[in-house]
């Protein structure tokens, strides 16, 4: 039988990275607006604005998916941590340690 190895740091990093990604996608229109003054080419500003606007429908679906995966990573981290703590406690008690 093989041992299950869970990288809790990776789960936590995944949750954080997905949070950043969620924020970036959620705020895409305002990000484009904020940078439009600094972009010299009107065609590029229009292209970025069009991209941000066209993504509205797809973005909502993507945000829901990102949110779901983020919740899974967070819950996985919590459950594996709780399981690890319980197993350690049970091993200490079985060995007469406290």
N, C-alpha and C. Protein backbone atom coordinates (compact mmCIF):
# COMPACT_ATOMS: atom_id res chain seq x y z
N UNK A 1 0.84 -1.16 0.00
CA UNK A 1 0.00 0.00 0.00
C UNK A 1 0.90 1.24 0.00
N UNK A 2 0.53 2.24 -0.79
CA UNK A 2 1.34 3.45 -0.83
C UNK A 2 0.83 4.48 0.17
N UNK A 3 1.73 5.34 0.58
CA UNK A 3 1.38 6.38 1.53
C UNK A 3 0.79 7.59 0.81
N UNK A 4 -0.19 8.19 1.41
CA UNK A 4 -0.77 9.41 0.88
C UNK A 4 0.07 10.58 1.37
N UNK A 5 0.53 11.40 0.43
CA UNK A 5 1.32 12.56 0.78
C UNK A 5 0.56 13.79 0.28
N UNK A 6 0.27 14.70 1.19
CA UNK A 6 -0.45 15.91 0.85
C UNK A 6 0.43 17.10 1.19
N UNK A 7 0.66 17.94 0.20
CA UNK A 7 1.47 19.15 0.39
C UNK A 7 0.54 20.26 0.85
N UNK A 8 0.45 20.47 2.17
CA UNK A 8 -0.45 21.47 2.72
C UNK A 8 -0.06 22.88 2.29
N UNK A 9 1.22 23.11 2.15
CA UNK A 9 1.69 24.42 1.67
C UNK A 9 1.21 24.69 0.26
N UNK A 10 1.24 23.66 -0.57
CA UNK A 10 0.77 23.81 -1.95
C UNK A 10 -0.73 24.09 -1.98
N UNK A 11 -1.50 23.42 -1.13
CA UNK A 11 -2.93 23.70 -1.06
C UNK A 11 -3.18 25.14 -0.64
N UNK A 12 -2.42 25.60 0.34
CA UNK A 12 -2.56 26.98 0.80
C UNK A 12 -2.14 27.97 -0.28
N UNK A 13 -1.04 27.68 -0.97
CA UNK A 13 -0.59 28.54 -2.07
C UNK A 13 -1.61 28.57 -3.20
N UNK A 14 -2.22 27.43 -3.47
CA UNK A 14 -3.24 27.35 -4.52
C UNK A 14 -4.43 28.23 -4.17
N UNK A 15 -4.86 28.16 -2.93
CA UNK A 15 -5.97 28.99 -2.47
C UNK A 15 -5.63 30.47 -2.66
N UNK A 16 -4.43 30.86 -2.26
CA UNK A 16 -4.01 32.25 -2.38
C UNK A 16 -3.93 32.68 -3.86
N UNK A 17 -3.29 31.86 -4.69
CA UNK A 17 -3.14 32.19 -6.11
C UNK A 17 -4.49 32.30 -6.80
N UNK A 18 -5.41 31.42 -6.46
CA UNK A 18 -6.75 31.50 -7.05
C UNK A 18 -7.48 32.75 -6.58
N UNK A 19 -7.23 33.17 -5.35
CA UNK A 19 -7.82 34.41 -4.86
C UNK A 19 -7.34 35.62 -5.66
N UNK A 20 -6.05 35.64 -5.96
CA UNK A 20 -5.48 36.73 -6.76
C UNK A 20 -6.07 36.69 -8.17
N UNK A 21 -6.12 35.51 -8.75
CA UNK A 21 -6.68 35.34 -10.09
C UNK A 21 -8.14 35.76 -10.13
N UNK A 22 -8.90 35.37 -9.10
CA UNK A 22 -10.31 35.74 -9.00
C UNK A 22 -10.45 37.26 -9.01
N UNK A 23 -9.64 37.94 -8.20
CA UNK A 23 -9.70 39.39 -8.12
C UNK A 23 -9.35 40.05 -9.46
N UNK A 24 -8.34 39.53 -10.12
CA UNK A 24 -7.93 40.10 -11.40
C UNK A 24 -9.03 39.96 -12.45
N UNK A 25 -9.64 38.80 -12.53
CA UNK A 25 -10.72 38.61 -13.50
C UNK A 25 -11.95 39.44 -13.12
N UNK A 26 -12.25 39.48 -11.83
CA UNK A 26 -13.43 40.21 -11.37
C UNK A 26 -13.29 41.70 -11.67
N UNK A 27 -12.11 42.22 -11.52
CA UNK A 27 -11.87 43.66 -11.69
C UNK A 27 -11.29 44.02 -13.06
N UNK A 28 -11.45 43.14 -14.04
CA UNK A 28 -10.82 43.36 -15.35
C UNK A 28 -11.22 44.69 -15.97
N UNK A 29 -12.49 45.04 -15.90
CA UNK A 29 -12.94 46.30 -16.50
C UNK A 29 -12.33 47.51 -15.82
N UNK A 30 -12.29 47.49 -14.50
CA UNK A 30 -11.71 48.64 -13.79
C UNK A 30 -10.20 48.70 -13.98
N UNK A 31 -9.57 47.55 -14.12
CA UNK A 31 -8.12 47.53 -14.37
C UNK A 31 -7.83 48.16 -15.72
N UNK A 32 -8.63 47.82 -16.72
CA UNK A 32 -8.45 48.41 -18.06
C UNK A 32 -8.67 49.92 -17.98
N UNK A 33 -9.71 50.33 -17.26
CA UNK A 33 -9.99 51.77 -17.13
C UNK A 33 -8.83 52.49 -16.45
N UNK A 34 -8.27 51.87 -15.43
CA UNK A 34 -7.18 52.50 -14.68
C UNK A 34 -5.93 52.69 -15.54
N UNK A 35 -5.67 51.76 -16.45
CA UNK A 35 -4.47 51.84 -17.26
C UNK A 35 -4.67 52.57 -18.58
N UNK A 36 -5.92 52.82 -18.96
CA UNK A 36 -6.18 53.39 -20.28
C UNK A 36 -5.53 54.77 -20.45
N UNK A 37 -5.43 55.53 -19.37
CA UNK A 37 -4.79 56.85 -19.47
C UNK A 37 -3.29 56.74 -19.75
N UNK A 38 -2.68 55.65 -19.33
CA UNK A 38 -1.24 55.48 -19.49
C UNK A 38 -0.86 54.79 -20.80
N UNK A 39 -1.86 54.32 -21.52
CA UNK A 39 -1.60 53.66 -22.80
C UNK A 39 -1.76 54.71 -23.89
N UNK A 40 -0.72 54.90 -24.65
CA UNK A 40 -0.73 55.96 -25.66
C UNK A 40 -1.54 55.64 -26.91
N UNK A 41 -1.70 54.39 -27.23
CA UNK A 41 -2.37 54.02 -28.47
C UNK A 41 -3.87 53.81 -28.25
N UNK A 42 -4.71 54.67 -28.81
CA UNK A 42 -6.16 54.51 -28.65
C UNK A 42 -6.67 53.15 -29.12
N UNK A 43 -6.06 52.61 -30.16
CA UNK A 43 -6.49 51.31 -30.67
C UNK A 43 -6.27 50.22 -29.61
N UNK A 44 -5.18 50.32 -28.88
CA UNK A 44 -4.90 49.35 -27.82
C UNK A 44 -5.88 49.51 -26.67
N UNK A 45 -6.20 50.75 -26.31
CA UNK A 45 -7.18 51.01 -25.26
C UNK A 45 -8.53 50.42 -25.67
N UNK A 46 -8.93 50.65 -26.92
CA UNK A 46 -10.20 50.11 -27.41
C UNK A 46 -10.20 48.58 -27.39
N UNK A 47 -9.09 47.98 -27.79
CA UNK A 47 -8.99 46.51 -27.81
C UNK A 47 -9.09 45.95 -26.40
N UNK A 48 -8.40 46.58 -25.44
CA UNK A 48 -8.47 46.11 -24.06
C UNK A 48 -9.87 46.28 -23.49
N UNK A 49 -10.50 47.41 -23.79
CA UNK A 49 -11.86 47.66 -23.30
C UNK A 49 -12.83 46.66 -23.92
N UNK A 50 -12.68 46.39 -25.19
CA UNK A 50 -13.55 45.42 -25.87
C UNK A 50 -13.36 44.02 -25.29
N UNK A 51 -12.11 43.67 -25.05
CA UNK A 51 -11.83 42.36 -24.45
C UNK A 51 -12.49 42.23 -23.08
N UNK A 52 -12.32 43.26 -22.25
CA UNK A 52 -12.90 43.23 -20.90
C UNK A 52 -14.42 43.17 -20.97
N UNK A 53 -15.02 43.90 -21.89
CA UNK A 53 -16.48 43.92 -22.02
C UNK A 53 -17.02 42.60 -22.57
N UNK A 54 -16.36 42.06 -23.57
CA UNK A 54 -16.82 40.81 -24.19
C UNK A 54 -16.73 39.63 -23.24
N UNK A 55 -15.87 39.75 -22.27
CA UNK A 55 -15.67 38.64 -21.36
C UNK A 55 -16.69 38.59 -20.22
N UNK A 56 -17.58 39.54 -20.16
CA UNK A 56 -18.51 39.60 -19.03
C UNK A 56 -19.25 38.29 -18.78
N UNK A 57 -19.87 37.72 -19.81
CA UNK A 57 -20.63 36.48 -19.63
C UNK A 57 -19.70 35.32 -19.27
N UNK A 58 -18.62 35.20 -20.00
CA UNK A 58 -17.68 34.10 -19.74
C UNK A 58 -16.97 34.29 -18.40
N UNK A 59 -16.72 35.53 -18.06
CA UNK A 59 -16.02 35.82 -16.82
C UNK A 59 -16.82 35.36 -15.61
N UNK A 60 -18.12 35.56 -15.62
CA UNK A 60 -18.96 35.14 -14.49
C UNK A 60 -18.87 33.62 -14.28
N UNK A 61 -18.90 32.89 -15.38
CA UNK A 61 -18.79 31.43 -15.29
C UNK A 61 -17.39 31.04 -14.80
N UNK A 62 -16.38 31.71 -15.31
CA UNK A 62 -15.01 31.44 -14.88
C UNK A 62 -14.82 31.78 -13.41
N UNK A 63 -15.37 32.90 -12.97
CA UNK A 63 -15.26 33.28 -11.56
C UNK A 63 -15.93 32.25 -10.65
N UNK A 64 -17.07 31.73 -11.08
CA UNK A 64 -17.75 30.70 -10.28
C UNK A 64 -16.87 29.45 -10.17
N UNK A 65 -16.25 29.07 -11.28
CA UNK A 65 -15.38 27.89 -11.27
C UNK A 65 -14.15 28.11 -10.40
N UNK A 66 -13.53 29.28 -10.52
CA UNK A 66 -12.37 29.58 -9.70
C UNK A 66 -12.75 29.56 -8.23
N UNK A 67 -13.89 30.14 -7.91
CA UNK A 67 -14.36 30.18 -6.53
C UNK A 67 -14.58 28.77 -5.99
N UNK A 68 -15.16 27.90 -6.80
CA UNK A 68 -15.39 26.52 -6.38
C UNK A 68 -14.09 25.77 -6.11
N UNK A 69 -13.12 25.92 -7.01
CA UNK A 69 -11.83 25.24 -6.83
C UNK A 69 -11.10 25.81 -5.62
N UNK A 70 -11.21 27.12 -5.42
CA UNK A 70 -10.59 27.75 -4.26
C UNK A 70 -11.18 27.19 -2.96
N UNK A 71 -12.50 27.03 -2.92
CA UNK A 71 -13.15 26.46 -1.74
C UNK A 71 -12.70 25.02 -1.51
N UNK A 72 -12.54 24.26 -2.59
CA UNK A 72 -12.07 22.88 -2.47
C UNK A 72 -10.65 22.84 -1.90
N UNK A 73 -9.78 23.72 -2.38
CA UNK A 73 -8.40 23.76 -1.88
C UNK A 73 -8.39 24.14 -0.40
N UNK A 74 -9.19 25.14 -0.04
CA UNK A 74 -9.26 25.57 1.36
C UNK A 74 -9.82 24.47 2.25
N UNK A 75 -10.89 23.85 1.81
CA UNK A 75 -11.50 22.77 2.61
C UNK A 75 -10.57 21.56 2.70
N UNK A 76 -9.89 21.24 1.59
CA UNK A 76 -8.92 20.15 1.62
C UNK A 76 -7.81 20.42 2.62
N UNK A 77 -7.31 21.65 2.62
CA UNK A 77 -6.27 22.03 3.58
C UNK A 77 -6.77 21.86 5.01
N UNK A 78 -7.97 22.34 5.29
CA UNK A 78 -8.54 22.23 6.64
C UNK A 78 -8.73 20.77 7.05
N UNK A 79 -9.28 19.96 6.14
CA UNK A 79 -9.57 18.56 6.47
C UNK A 79 -8.29 17.75 6.66
N UNK A 80 -7.30 17.94 5.78
CA UNK A 80 -6.04 17.20 5.93
C UNK A 80 -5.30 17.63 7.18
N UNK A 81 -5.36 18.92 7.52
CA UNK A 81 -4.72 19.39 8.74
C UNK A 81 -5.40 18.77 9.96
N UNK A 82 -6.73 18.77 9.97
CA UNK A 82 -7.47 18.19 11.09
C UNK A 82 -7.19 16.70 11.22
N UNK A 83 -7.13 16.00 10.09
CA UNK A 83 -6.84 14.56 10.11
C UNK A 83 -5.43 14.31 10.63
N UNK A 84 -4.48 15.10 10.17
CA UNK A 84 -3.10 14.96 10.63
C UNK A 84 -3.00 15.20 12.14
N UNK A 85 -3.67 16.23 12.63
CA UNK A 85 -3.65 16.53 14.06
C UNK A 85 -4.31 15.41 14.87
N UNK A 86 -5.40 14.85 14.36
CA UNK A 86 -6.08 13.76 15.06
C UNK A 86 -5.20 12.52 15.10
N UNK A 87 -4.59 12.19 13.96
CA UNK A 87 -3.71 11.01 13.93
C UNK A 87 -2.52 11.19 14.87
N UNK A 88 -1.94 12.38 14.91
CA UNK A 88 -0.82 12.64 15.81
C UNK A 88 -1.26 12.51 17.26
N UNK A 89 -2.44 13.04 17.56
CA UNK A 89 -2.97 12.95 18.94
C UNK A 89 -3.21 11.49 19.31
N UNK A 90 -3.82 10.72 18.39
CA UNK A 90 -4.09 9.30 18.65
C UNK A 90 -2.80 8.52 18.85
N UNK A 91 -1.77 8.83 18.06
CA UNK A 91 -0.48 8.14 18.21
C UNK A 91 0.17 8.48 19.54
N UNK A 92 0.09 9.75 19.94
CA UNK A 92 0.65 10.14 21.24
C UNK A 92 -0.07 9.42 22.38
N UNK A 93 -1.39 9.37 22.29
CA UNK A 93 -2.16 8.69 23.36
C UNK A 93 -1.88 7.20 23.36
N UNK A 94 -1.75 6.60 22.20
CA UNK A 94 -1.49 5.15 22.13
C UNK A 94 -0.11 4.82 22.67
N UNK A 95 0.82 5.77 22.53
CA UNK A 95 2.17 5.54 23.03
C UNK A 95 2.36 6.01 24.45
N UNK A 96 1.31 6.47 25.08
CA UNK A 96 1.39 6.95 26.45
C UNK A 96 1.98 8.34 26.57
N UNK A 97 2.12 9.03 25.44
CA UNK A 97 2.65 10.39 25.45
C UNK A 97 1.49 11.38 25.44
N UNK A 98 1.73 12.55 25.92
CA UNK A 98 0.65 13.56 25.88
C UNK A 98 1.11 14.82 25.28
